[in-house]
């Protein structure tokens, strides 16, 4: 499997309760052999709740929905199933801004 890149959307196995869903990679690539093979993601949902931390990004490879900045998860790279596509720098910035607001950064 190729290294997931920041701004890419992958289909991810989040476990039994969360199921397999698209997620946006927001972490940087693993830098060296001593780094853990982990990736931090923002989950995409087709059931928005109207939260100010949700970001709708219309892209052809996703069903209509939102990236939920309140749903950050860090998992082993082995849970990534396949790459779906990538977001533009502008779209990635919109999600990053929602994450900053949520985390108070």
PDB file of N, CA and C in Angstrom:
ATOM      1  N   UNK A   1       0.849  -1.180   0.000  1.00  0.00           N
ATOM      2  CA  UNK A   1       0.000   0.000   0.000  1.00  0.00           C
ATOM      3  C   UNK A   1       0.893   1.241   0.000  1.00  0.00           C
ATOM      4  N   UNK A   2       0.499   2.241  -0.753  1.00  0.00           N
ATOM      5  CA  UNK A   2       1.261   3.485  -0.803  1.00  0.00           C
ATOM      6  C   UNK A   2       1.018   4.316   0.457  1.00  0.00           C
ATOM      7  N   UNK A   3       1.942   5.188   0.723  1.00  0.00           N
ATOM      8  CA  UNK A   3       1.867   6.078   1.887  1.00  0.00           C
ATOM      9  C   UNK A   3       0.721   7.077   1.703  1.00  0.00           C
ATOM     10  N   UNK A   4      -0.194   7.185   2.672  1.00  0.00           N
ATOM     11  CA  UNK A   4      -1.276   8.161   2.548  1.00  0.00           C
ATOM     12  C   UNK A   4      -0.738   9.585   2.690  1.00  0.00           C
ATOM     13  N   UNK A   5      -1.246  10.490   1.871  1.00  0.00           N
ATOM     14  CA  UNK A   5      -0.785  11.871   1.899  1.00  0.00           C
ATOM     15  C   UNK A   5      -1.816  12.809   2.498  1.00  0.00           C
ATOM     16  N   UNK A   6      -1.323  13.861   3.117  1.00  0.00           N
ATOM     17  CA  UNK A   6      -2.192  14.890   3.683  1.00  0.00           C
ATOM     18  C   UNK A   6      -3.093  15.446   2.581  1.00  0.00           C
ATOM     19  N   UNK A   7      -4.395  15.536   2.867  1.00  0.00           N
ATOM     20  CA  UNK A   7      -5.357  16.038   1.893  1.00  0.00           C
ATOM     21  C   UNK A   7      -5.998  14.965   1.035  1.00  0.00           C
ATOM     22  N   UNK A   8      -5.539  13.721   1.181  1.00  0.00           N
ATOM     23  CA  UNK A   8      -6.153  12.616   0.438  1.00  0.00           C
ATOM     24  C   UNK A   8      -7.345  12.059   1.211  1.00  0.00           C
ATOM     25  N   UNK A   9      -8.303  11.539   0.457  1.00  0.00           N
ATOM     26  CA  UNK A   9      -9.474  10.894   1.065  1.00  0.00           C
ATOM     27  C   UNK A   9      -9.342   9.393   0.806  1.00  0.00           C
ATOM     28  N   UNK A  10      -9.425   8.635   1.881  1.00  0.00           N
ATOM     29  CA  UNK A  10      -9.305   7.182   1.810  1.00  0.00           C
ATOM     30  C   UNK A  10     -10.563   6.532   2.372  1.00  0.00           C
ATOM     31  N   UNK A  11     -10.871   5.366   1.863  1.00  0.00           N
ATOM     32  CA  UNK A  11     -11.880   4.518   2.476  1.00  0.00           C
ATOM     33  C   UNK A  11     -11.175   3.812   3.627  1.00  0.00           C
ATOM     34  N   UNK A  12     -11.763   3.897   4.842  1.00  0.00           N
ATOM     35  CA  UNK A  12     -11.075   3.441   6.053  1.00  0.00           C
ATOM     36  C   UNK A  12     -11.988   2.525   6.860  1.00  0.00           C
ATOM     37  N   UNK A  13     -11.408   1.457   7.377  1.00  0.00           N
ATOM     38  CA  UNK A  13     -12.133   0.557   8.273  1.00  0.00           C
ATOM     39  C   UNK A  13     -12.010   1.099   9.695  1.00  0.00           C
ATOM     40  N   UNK A  14     -13.070   1.758  10.178  1.00  0.00           N
ATOM     41  CA  UNK A  14     -13.061   2.357  11.511  1.00  0.00           C
ATOM     42  C   UNK A  14     -13.603   1.422  12.582  1.00  0.00           C
ATOM     43  N   UNK A  15     -13.821   0.172  12.243  1.00  0.00           N
ATOM     44  CA  UNK A  15     -14.288  -0.793  13.233  1.00  0.00           C
ATOM     45  C   UNK A  15     -15.777  -1.040  13.134  1.00  0.00           C
ATOM     46  N   UNK A  16     -16.249  -1.956  13.933  1.00  0.00           N
ATOM     47  CA  UNK A  16     -17.631  -2.417  13.880  1.00  0.00           C
ATOM     48  C   UNK A  16     -18.645  -1.291  14.067  1.00  0.00           C
ATOM     49  N   UNK A  17     -18.461  -0.456  15.065  1.00  0.00           N
ATOM     50  CA  UNK A  17     -19.450   0.589  15.361  1.00  0.00           C
ATOM     51  C   UNK A  17     -19.440   1.713  14.332  1.00  0.00           C
ATOM     52  N   UNK A  18     -18.265   2.063  13.827  1.00  0.00           N
ATOM     53  CA  UNK A  18     -18.161   3.202  12.915  1.00  0.00           C
ATOM     54  C   UNK A  18     -18.190   2.784  11.449  1.00  0.00           C
ATOM     55  N   UNK A  19     -18.010   1.531  11.146  1.00  0.00           N
ATOM     56  CA  UNK A  19     -18.029   0.923   9.818  1.00  0.00           C
ATOM     57  C   UNK A  19     -16.924   1.445   8.910  1.00  0.00           C
ATOM     58  N   UNK A  20     -16.993   1.070   7.649  1.00  0.00           N
ATOM     59  CA  UNK A  20     -16.041   1.530   6.644  1.00  0.00           C
ATOM     60  C   UNK A  20     -16.599   2.805   6.043  1.00  0.00           C
ATOM     61  N   UNK A  21     -15.793   3.885   6.095  1.00  0.00           N
ATOM     62  CA  UNK A  21     -16.281   5.172   5.585  1.00  0.00           C
ATOM     63  C   UNK A  21     -15.119   5.980   5.029  1.00  0.00           C
ATOM     64  N   UNK A  22     -15.431   6.967   4.188  1.00  0.00           N
ATOM     65  CA  UNK A  22     -14.382   7.849   3.686  1.00  0.00           C
ATOM     66  C   UNK A  22     -13.852   8.737   4.810  1.00  0.00           C
ATOM     67  N   UNK A  23     -12.548   8.989   4.784  1.00  0.00           N
ATOM     68  CA  UNK A  23     -11.910   9.869   5.761  1.00  0.00           C
ATOM     69  C   UNK A  23     -10.830  10.682   5.072  1.00  0.00           C
ATOM     70  N   UNK A  24     -10.653  11.898   5.559  1.00  0.00           N
ATOM     71  CA  UNK A  24      -9.639  12.804   5.045  1.00  0.00           C
ATOM     72  C   UNK A  24      -8.380  12.703   5.898  1.00  0.00           C
ATOM     73  N   UNK A  25      -7.242  12.506   5.255  1.00  0.00           N
ATOM     74  CA  UNK A  25      -5.964  12.447   5.955  1.00  0.00           C
ATOM     75  C   UNK A  25      -5.539  13.879   6.301  1.00  0.00           C
ATOM     76  N   UNK A  26      -5.320  14.146   7.597  1.00  0.00           N
ATOM     77  CA  UNK A  26      -4.887  15.482   8.018  1.00  0.00           C
ATOM     78  C   UNK A  26      -3.498  15.460   8.658  1.00  0.00           C
ATOM     79  N   UNK A  27      -2.939  14.293   8.889  1.00  0.00           N
ATOM     80  CA  UNK A  27      -1.592  14.209   9.459  1.00  0.00           C
ATOM     81  C   UNK A  27      -0.550  14.229   8.344  1.00  0.00           C
ATOM     82  N   UNK A  28       0.681  14.516   8.732  1.00  0.00           N
ATOM     83  CA  UNK A  28       1.785  14.482   7.779  1.00  0.00           C
ATOM     84  C   UNK A  28       2.235  13.034   7.601  1.00  0.00           C
ATOM     85  N   UNK A  29       3.028  12.803   6.583  1.00  0.00           N
ATOM     86  CA  UNK A  29       3.538  11.452   6.332  1.00  0.00           C
ATOM     87  C   UNK A  29       4.518  11.043   7.423  1.00  0.00           C
ATOM     88  N   UNK A  30       4.614   9.751   7.632  1.00  0.00           N
ATOM     89  CA  UNK A  30       5.584   9.194   8.574  1.00  0.00           C
ATOM     90  C   UNK A  30       6.974   9.548   8.060  1.00  0.00           C
ATOM     91  N   UNK A  31       7.829  10.070   8.948  1.00  0.00           N
ATOM     92  CA  UNK A  31       9.124  10.591   8.506  1.00  0.00           C
ATOM     93  C   UNK A  31      10.264   9.579   8.554  1.00  0.00           C
ATOM     94  N   UNK A  32      10.254   8.694   9.515  1.00  0.00           N
ATOM     95  CA  UNK A  32      11.386   7.783   9.641  1.00  0.00           C
ATOM     96  C   UNK A  32      11.002   6.429  10.179  1.00  0.00           C
ATOM     97  N   UNK A  33      11.980   5.528  10.241  1.00  0.00           N
ATOM     98  CA  UNK A  33      11.705   4.153  10.679  1.00  0.00           C
ATOM     99  C   UNK A  33      11.295   4.050  12.144  1.00  0.00           C
ATOM    100  N   UNK A  34      11.583   5.072  12.950  1.00  0.00           N
ATOM    101  CA  UNK A  34      11.214   5.025  14.366  1.00  0.00           C
ATOM    102  C   UNK A  34       9.842   5.622  14.636  1.00  0.00           C
ATOM    103  N   UNK A  35       9.236   6.228  13.611  1.00  0.00           N
ATOM    104  CA  UNK A  35       7.884   6.772  13.763  1.00  0.00           C
ATOM    105  C   UNK A  35       6.862   5.648  13.662  1.00  0.00           C
ATOM    106  N   UNK A  36       5.790   5.799  14.382  1.00  0.00           N
ATOM    107  CA  UNK A  36       4.703   4.820  14.292  1.00  0.00           C
ATOM    108  C   UNK A  36       3.969   5.009  12.970  1.00  0.00           C
ATOM    109  N   UNK A  37       3.491   3.928  12.402  1.00  0.00           N
ATOM    110  CA  UNK A  37       2.747   3.980  11.131  1.00  0.00           C
ATOM    111  C   UNK A  37       1.289   4.311  11.436  1.00  0.00           C
ATOM    112  N   UNK A  38       1.072   5.550  11.893  1.00  0.00           N
ATOM    113  CA  UNK A  38      -0.265   6.014  12.247  1.00  0.00           C
ATOM    114  C   UNK A  38      -0.679   7.125  11.300  1.00  0.00           C
ATOM    115  N   UNK A  39      -1.976   7.328  11.191  1.00  0.00           N
ATOM    116  CA  UNK A  39      -2.517   8.397  10.365  1.00  0.00           C
ATOM    117  C   UNK A  39      -3.699   9.014  11.112  1.00  0.00           C
ATOM    118  N   UNK A  40      -3.782  10.351  11.094  1.00  0.00           N
ATOM    119  CA  UNK A  40      -4.893  11.050  11.726  1.00  0.00           C
ATOM    120  C   UNK A  40      -5.856  11.505  10.645  1.00  0.00           C
ATOM    121  N   UNK A  41      -7.142  11.261  10.901  1.00  0.00           N
ATOM    122  CA  UNK A  41      -8.183  11.441   9.891  1.00  0.00           C
ATOM    123  C   UNK A  41      -9.349  12.257  10.417  1.00  0.00           C
ATOM    124  N   UNK A  42     -10.098  12.820   9.479  1.00  0.00           N
ATOM    125  CA  UNK A  42     -11.399  13.433   9.766  1.00  0.00           C
ATOM    126  C   UNK A  42     -12.422  12.612   8.996  1.00  0.00           C
ATOM    127  N   UNK A  43     -13.385  12.073   9.697  1.00  0.00           N
ATOM    128  CA  UNK A  43     -14.391  11.209   9.068  1.00  0.00           C
ATOM    129  C   UNK A  43     -15.390  12.024   8.236  1.00  0.00           C
ATOM    130  N   UNK A  44     -15.853  11.411   7.165  1.00  0.00           N
ATOM    131  CA  UNK A  44     -16.900  11.985   6.308  1.00  0.00           C
ATOM    132  C   UNK A  44     -18.209  11.270   6.645  1.00  0.00           C
ATOM    133  N   UNK A  45     -19.281  12.032   6.740  1.00  0.00           N
ATOM    134  CA  UNK A  45     -20.590  11.432   7.019  1.00  0.00           C
ATOM    135  C   UNK A  45     -21.631  11.963   6.042  1.00  0.00           C
ATOM    136  N   UNK A  46     -22.572  11.128   5.707  1.00  0.00           N
ATOM    137  CA  UNK A  46     -23.692  11.543   4.854  1.00  0.00           C
ATOM    138  C   UNK A  46     -24.903  11.926   5.695  1.00  0.00           C
ATOM    139  N   UNK A  47     -24.715  11.975   7.018  1.00  0.00           N
ATOM    140  CA  UNK A  47     -25.784  12.361   7.941  1.00  0.00           C
ATOM    141  C   UNK A  47     -25.370  13.585   8.753  1.00  0.00           C
ATOM    142  N   UNK A  48     -25.311  14.757   8.110  1.00  0.00           N
ATOM    143  CA  UNK A  48     -24.902  15.955   8.857  1.00  0.00           C
ATOM    144  C   UNK A  48     -25.923  16.333   9.924  1.00  0.00           C
ATOM    145  N   UNK A  49     -25.431  17.007  10.967  1.00  0.00           N
ATOM    146  CA  UNK A  49     -26.291  17.439  12.078  1.00  0.00           C
ATOM    147  C   UNK A  49     -26.447  18.953  12.128  1.00  0.00           C
ATOM    148  N   UNK A  50     -25.776  19.664  11.215  1.00  0.00           N
ATOM    149  CA  UNK A  50     -25.861  21.117  11.206  1.00  0.00           C
ATOM    150  C   UNK A  50     -24.870  21.784  12.137  1.00  0.00           C
ATOM    151  N   UNK A  51     -23.866  21.057  12.578  1.00  0.00           N
ATOM    152  CA  UNK A  51     -22.847  21.593  13.474  1.00  0.00           C
ATOM    153  C   UNK A  51     -21.968  22.602  12.735  1.00  0.00           C
ATOM    154  N   UNK A  52     -21.462  23.590  13.473  1.00  0.00           N
ATOM    155  CA  UNK A  52     -20.547  24.562  12.874  1.00  0.00           C
ATOM    156  C   UNK A  52     -19.173  23.958  12.616  1.00  0.00           C
ATOM    157  N   UNK A  53     -18.944  22.722  13.048  1.00  0.00           N
ATOM    158  CA  UNK A  53     -17.681  22.029  12.810  1.00  0.00           C
ATOM    159  C   UNK A  53     -17.758  21.076  11.618  1.00  0.00           C
ATOM    160  N   UNK A  54     -18.855  21.083  10.919  1.00  0.00           N
ATOM    161  CA  UNK A  54     -19.026  20.255   9.723  1.00  0.00           C
ATOM    162  C   UNK A  54     -18.699  21.084   8.487  1.00  0.00           C
ATOM    163  N   UNK A  55     -18.000  20.459   7.538  1.00  0.00           N
ATOM    164  CA  UNK A  55     -17.591  21.149   6.323  1.00  0.00           C
ATOM    165  C   UNK A  55     -18.052  20.329   5.120  1.00  0.00           C
ATOM    166  N   UNK A  56     -18.937  20.913   4.325  1.00  0.00           N
ATOM    167  CA  UNK A  56     -19.405  20.257   3.100  1.00  0.00           C
ATOM    168  C   UNK A  56     -18.430  20.565   1.971  1.00  0.00           C
ATOM    169  N   UNK A  57     -17.892  19.520   1.376  1.00  0.00           N
ATOM    170  CA  UNK A  57     -16.959  19.651   0.257  1.00  0.00           C
ATOM    171  C   UNK A  57     -17.521  18.822  -0.897  1.00  0.00           C
ATOM    172  N   UNK A  58     -18.022  19.477  -1.954  1.00  0.00           N
ATOM    173  CA  UNK A  58     -18.568  18.720  -3.084  1.00  0.00           C
ATOM    174  C   UNK A  58     -17.454  18.212  -3.997  1.00  0.00           C
ATOM    175  N   UNK A  59     -17.226  16.919  -3.972  1.00  0.00           N
ATOM    176  CA  UNK A  59     -16.265  16.281  -4.872  1.00  0.00           C
ATOM    177  C   UNK A  59     -16.932  15.064  -5.502  1.00  0.00           C
ATOM    178  N   UNK A  60     -16.513  14.749  -6.705  1.00  0.00           N
ATOM    179  CA  UNK A  60     -17.176  13.697  -7.481  1.00  0.00           C
ATOM    180  C   UNK A  60     -17.044  12.294  -6.886  1.00  0.00           C
ATOM    181  N   UNK A  61     -16.022  12.064  -6.065  1.00  0.00           N
ATOM    182  CA  UNK A  61     -15.791  10.711  -5.545  1.00  0.00           C
ATOM    183  C   UNK A  61     -16.457  10.455  -4.194  1.00  0.00           C
ATOM    184  N   UNK A  62     -17.237  11.429  -3.680  1.00  0.00           N
ATOM    185  CA  UNK A  62     -17.950  11.248  -2.411  1.00  0.00           C
ATOM    186  C   UNK A  62     -19.432  11.511  -2.584  1.00  0.00           C
ATOM    187  N   UNK A  63     -20.248  10.786  -1.833  1.00  0.00           N
ATOM    188  CA  UNK A  63     -21.671  11.099  -1.762  1.00  0.00           C
ATOM    189  C   UNK A  63     -21.819  12.444  -1.045  1.00  0.00           C
ATOM    190  N   UNK A  64     -22.921  13.157  -1.280  1.00  0.00           N
ATOM    191  CA  UNK A  64     -23.118  14.420  -0.557  1.00  0.00           C
ATOM    192  C   UNK A  64     -23.069  14.186   0.961  1.00  0.00           C
ATOM    193  N   UNK A  65     -22.352  15.045   1.655  1.00  0.00           N
ATOM    194  CA  UNK A  65     -22.185  14.911   3.094  1.00  0.00           C
ATOM    195  C   UNK A  65     -21.206  15.945   3.592  1.00  0.00           C
ATOM    196  N   UNK A  66     -20.614  15.682   4.754  1.00  0.00           N
ATOM    197  CA  UNK A  66     -19.699  16.635   5.387  1.00  0.00           C
ATOM    198  C   UNK A  66     -18.518  15.911   6.020  1.00  0.00           C
ATOM    199  N   UNK A  67     -17.409  16.651   6.139  1.00  0.00           N
ATOM    200  CA  UNK A  67     -16.305  16.211   6.976  1.00  0.00           C
ATOM    201  C   UNK A  67     -16.576  16.801   8.352  1.00  0.00           C
ATOM    202  N   UNK A  68     -16.554  15.964   9.376  1.00  0.00           N
ATOM    203  CA  UNK A  68     -16.911  16.355  10.741  1.00  0.00           C
ATOM    204  C   UNK A  68     -15.652  16.546  11.570  1.00  0.00           C
ATOM    205  N   UNK A  69     -15.258  17.817  11.794  1.00  0.00           N
ATOM    206  CA  UNK A  69     -14.033  18.117  12.541  1.00  0.00           C
ATOM    207  C   UNK A  69     -14.096  17.640  13.983  1.00  0.00           C
ATOM    208  N   UNK A  70     -15.280  17.335  14.492  1.00  0.00           N
ATOM    209  CA  UNK A  70     -15.399  16.776  15.838  1.00  0.00           C
ATOM    210  C   UNK A  70     -15.124  15.277  15.848  1.00  0.00           C
ATOM    211  N   UNK A  71     -14.967  14.699  14.675  1.00  0.00           N
ATOM    212  CA  UNK A  71     -14.733  13.260  14.566  1.00  0.00           C
ATOM    213  C   UNK A  71     -13.324  13.018  14.034  1.00  0.00           C
ATOM    214  N   UNK A  72     -12.335  13.383  14.854  1.00  0.00           N
ATOM    215  CA  UNK A  72     -10.931  13.119  14.546  1.00  0.00           C
ATOM    216  C   UNK A  72     -10.563  11.753  15.107  1.00  0.00           C
ATOM    217  N   UNK A  73      -9.780  11.012  14.350  1.00  0.00           N
ATOM    218  CA  UNK A  73      -9.366   9.689  14.805  1.00  0.00           C
ATOM    219  C   UNK A  73      -7.945   9.425  14.300  1.00  0.00           C
ATOM    220  N   UNK A  74      -7.143   8.776  15.150  1.00  0.00           N
ATOM    221  CA  UNK A  74      -5.804   8.349  14.761  1.00  0.00           C
ATOM    222  C   UNK A  74      -5.783   6.833  14.804  1.00  0.00           C
ATOM    223  N   UNK A  75      -5.398   6.242  13.685  1.00  0.00           N
ATOM    224  CA  UNK A  75      -5.438   4.785  13.547  1.00  0.00           C
ATOM    225  C   UNK A  75      -4.174   4.286  12.851  1.00  0.00           C
ATOM    226  N   UNK A  76      -3.903   2.982  12.925  1.00  0.00           N
ATOM    227  CA  UNK A  76      -2.793   2.415  12.154  1.00  0.00           C
ATOM    228  C   UNK A  76      -3.086   2.511  10.650  1.00  0.00           C
ATOM    229  N   UNK A  77      -2.044   2.754   9.873  1.00  0.00           N
ATOM    230  CA  UNK A  77      -2.207   2.839   8.425  1.00  0.00           C
ATOM    231  C   UNK A  77      -2.809   1.571   7.832  1.00  0.00           C
ATOM    232  N   UNK A  78      -2.637   0.452   8.497  1.00  0.00           N
ATOM    233  CA  UNK A  78      -3.164  -0.818   7.990  1.00  0.00           C
ATOM    234  C   UNK A  78      -4.685  -0.804   7.859  1.00  0.00           C
ATOM    235  N   UNK A  79      -5.373   0.113   8.533  1.00  0.00           N
ATOM    236  CA  UNK A  79      -6.836   0.198   8.467  1.00  0.00           C
ATOM    237  C   UNK A  79      -7.322   0.920   7.207  1.00  0.00           C
ATOM    238  N   UNK A  80      -6.402   1.538   6.462  1.00  0.00           N
ATOM    239  CA  UNK A  80      -6.780   2.206   5.217  1.00  0.00           C
ATOM    240  C   UNK A  80      -7.052   1.148   4.156  1.00  0.00           C
ATOM    241  N   UNK A  81      -8.195   1.269   3.499  1.00  0.00           N
ATOM    242  CA  UNK A  81      -8.599   0.258   2.515  1.00  0.00           C
ATOM    243  C   UNK A  81      -8.143   0.646   1.121  1.00  0.00           C
ATOM    244  N   UNK A  82      -8.532   1.849   0.660  1.00  0.00           N
ATOM    245  CA  UNK A  82      -8.094   2.313  -0.666  1.00  0.00           C
ATOM    246  C   UNK A  82      -8.285   3.817  -0.783  1.00  0.00           C
ATOM    247  N   UNK A  83      -7.469   4.412  -1.635  1.00  0.00           N
ATOM    248  CA  UNK A  83      -7.525   5.857  -1.864  1.00  0.00           C
ATOM    249  C   UNK A  83      -8.696   6.170  -2.787  1.00  0.00           C
ATOM    250  N   UNK A  84      -9.485   7.195  -2.414  1.00  0.00           N
ATOM    251  CA  UNK A  84     -10.618   7.611  -3.235  1.00  0.00           C
ATOM    252  C   UNK A  84     -10.298   8.835  -4.088  1.00  0.00           C
ATOM    253  N   UNK A  85      -9.458   9.716  -3.577  1.00  0.00           N
ATOM    254  CA  UNK A  85      -9.129  10.939  -4.295  1.00  0.00           C
ATOM    255  C   UNK A  85      -8.463  11.923  -3.359  1.00  0.00           C
ATOM    256  N   UNK A  86      -8.357  13.163  -3.815  1.00  0.00           N
ATOM    257  CA  UNK A  86      -7.720  14.186  -3.000  1.00  0.00           C
ATOM    258  C   UNK A  86      -8.498  15.488  -3.037  1.00  0.00           C
ATOM    259  N   UNK A  87      -8.324  16.302  -2.016  1.00  0.00           N
ATOM    260  CA  UNK A  87      -8.964  17.609  -1.954  1.00  0.00           C
ATOM    261  C   UNK A  87      -8.003  18.674  -2.459  1.00  0.00           C
ATOM    262  N   UNK A  88      -8.560  19.752  -2.976  1.00  0.00           N
ATOM    263  CA  UNK A  88      -7.750  20.897  -3.369  1.00  0.00           C
ATOM    264  C   UNK A  88      -7.209  21.558  -2.106  1.00  0.00           C
ATOM    265  N   UNK A  89      -6.199  22.404  -2.263  1.00  0.00           N
ATOM    266  CA  UNK A  89      -5.637  23.125  -1.124  1.00  0.00           C
ATOM    267  C   UNK A  89      -6.700  23.995  -0.460  1.00  0.00           C
ATOM    268  N   UNK A  90      -7.581  24.585  -1.251  1.00  0.00           N
ATOM    269  CA  UNK A  90      -8.653  25.431  -0.711  1.00  0.00           C
ATOM    270  C   UNK A  90      -9.630  24.619   0.138  1.00  0.00           C
ATOM    271  N   UNK A  91     -10.024  23.459  -0.361  1.00  0.00           N
ATOM    272  CA  UNK A  91     -10.950  22.602   0.392  1.00  0.00           C
ATOM    273  C   UNK A  91     -10.295  22.068   1.662  1.00  0.00           C
ATOM    274  N   UNK A  92      -9.025  21.669   1.566  1.00  0.00           N
ATOM    275  CA  UNK A  92      -8.311  21.192   2.752  1.00  0.00           C
ATOM    276  C   UNK A  92      -8.245  22.303   3.804  1.00  0.00           C
ATOM    277  N   UNK A  93      -8.009  23.526   3.373  1.00  0.00           N
ATOM    278  CA  UNK A  93      -7.939  24.662   4.299  1.00  0.00           C
ATOM    279  C   UNK A  93      -9.267  24.869   5.031  1.00  0.00           C
ATOM    280  N   UNK A  94     -10.383  24.633   4.370  1.00  0.00           N
ATOM    281  CA  UNK A  94     -11.690  24.767   5.015  1.00  0.00           C
ATOM    282  C   UNK A  94     -11.831  23.761   6.160  1.00  0.00           C
ATOM    283  N   UNK A  95     -11.396  22.530   5.924  1.00  0.00           N
ATOM    284  CA  UNK A  95     -11.462  21.505   6.970  1.00  0.00           C
ATOM    285  C   UNK A  95     -10.472  21.828   8.083  1.00  0.00           C
ATOM    286  N   UNK A  96      -9.277  22.276   7.731  1.00  0.00           N
ATOM    287  CA  UNK A  96      -8.282  22.649   8.739  1.00  0.00           C
ATOM    288  C   UNK A  96      -8.815  23.763   9.647  1.00  0.00           C
ATOM    289  N   UNK A  97      -9.495  24.729   9.079  1.00  0.00           N
ATOM    290  CA  UNK A  97     -10.062  25.819   9.877  1.00  0.00           C
ATOM    291  C   UNK A  97     -11.105  25.303  10.865  1.00  0.00           C
ATOM    292  N   UNK A  98     -11.929  24.358  10.432  1.00  0.00           N
ATOM    293  CA  UNK A  98     -12.925  23.766  11.339  1.00  0.00           C
ATOM    294  C   UNK A  98     -12.232  23.003  12.466  1.00  0.00           C
ATOM    295  N   UNK A  99     -11.141  22.302  12.159  1.00  0.00           N
ATOM    296  CA  UNK A  99     -10.383  21.564  13.189  1.00  0.00           C
ATOM    297  C   UNK A  99      -9.787  22.554  14.193  1.00  0.00           C
ATOM    298  N   UNK A 100      -9.216  23.650  13.692  1.00  0.00           N
ATOM    299  CA  UNK A 100      -8.641  24.666  14.591  1.00  0.00           C
ATOM    300  C   UNK A 100      -9.686  25.223  15.545  1.00  0.00           C
ATOM    301  N   UNK A 101     -10.875  25.511  15.013  1.00  0.00           N
ATOM    302  CA  UNK A 101     -11.956  26.024  15.864  1.00  0.00           C
ATOM    303  C   UNK A 101     -12.336  25.005  16.919  1.00  0.00           C
ATOM    304  N   UNK A 102     -12.472  23.734  16.508  1.00  0.00           N
ATOM    305  CA  UNK A 102     -12.879  22.682  17.430  1.00  0.00           C
ATOM    306  C   UNK A 102     -11.846  22.489  18.542  1.00  0.00           C
ATOM    307  N   UNK A 103     -10.557  22.548  18.196  1.00  0.00           N
ATOM    308  CA  UNK A 103      -9.500  22.296  19.172  1.00  0.00           C
ATOM    309  C   UNK A 103      -9.027  23.575  19.869  1.00  0.00           C
ATOM    310  N   UNK A 104      -9.549  24.717  19.455  1.00  0.00           N
ATOM    311  CA  UNK A 104      -9.152  25.971  20.087  1.00  0.00           C
ATOM    312  C   UNK A 104      -7.731  26.374  19.759  1.00  0.00           C
ATOM    313  N   UNK A 105      -7.268  26.073  18.567  1.00  0.00           N
ATOM    314  CA  UNK A 105      -5.894  26.382  18.159  1.00  0.00           C
ATOM    315  C   UNK A 105      -5.796  27.725  17.467  1.00  0.00           C
TER     316      UNK A 105
END
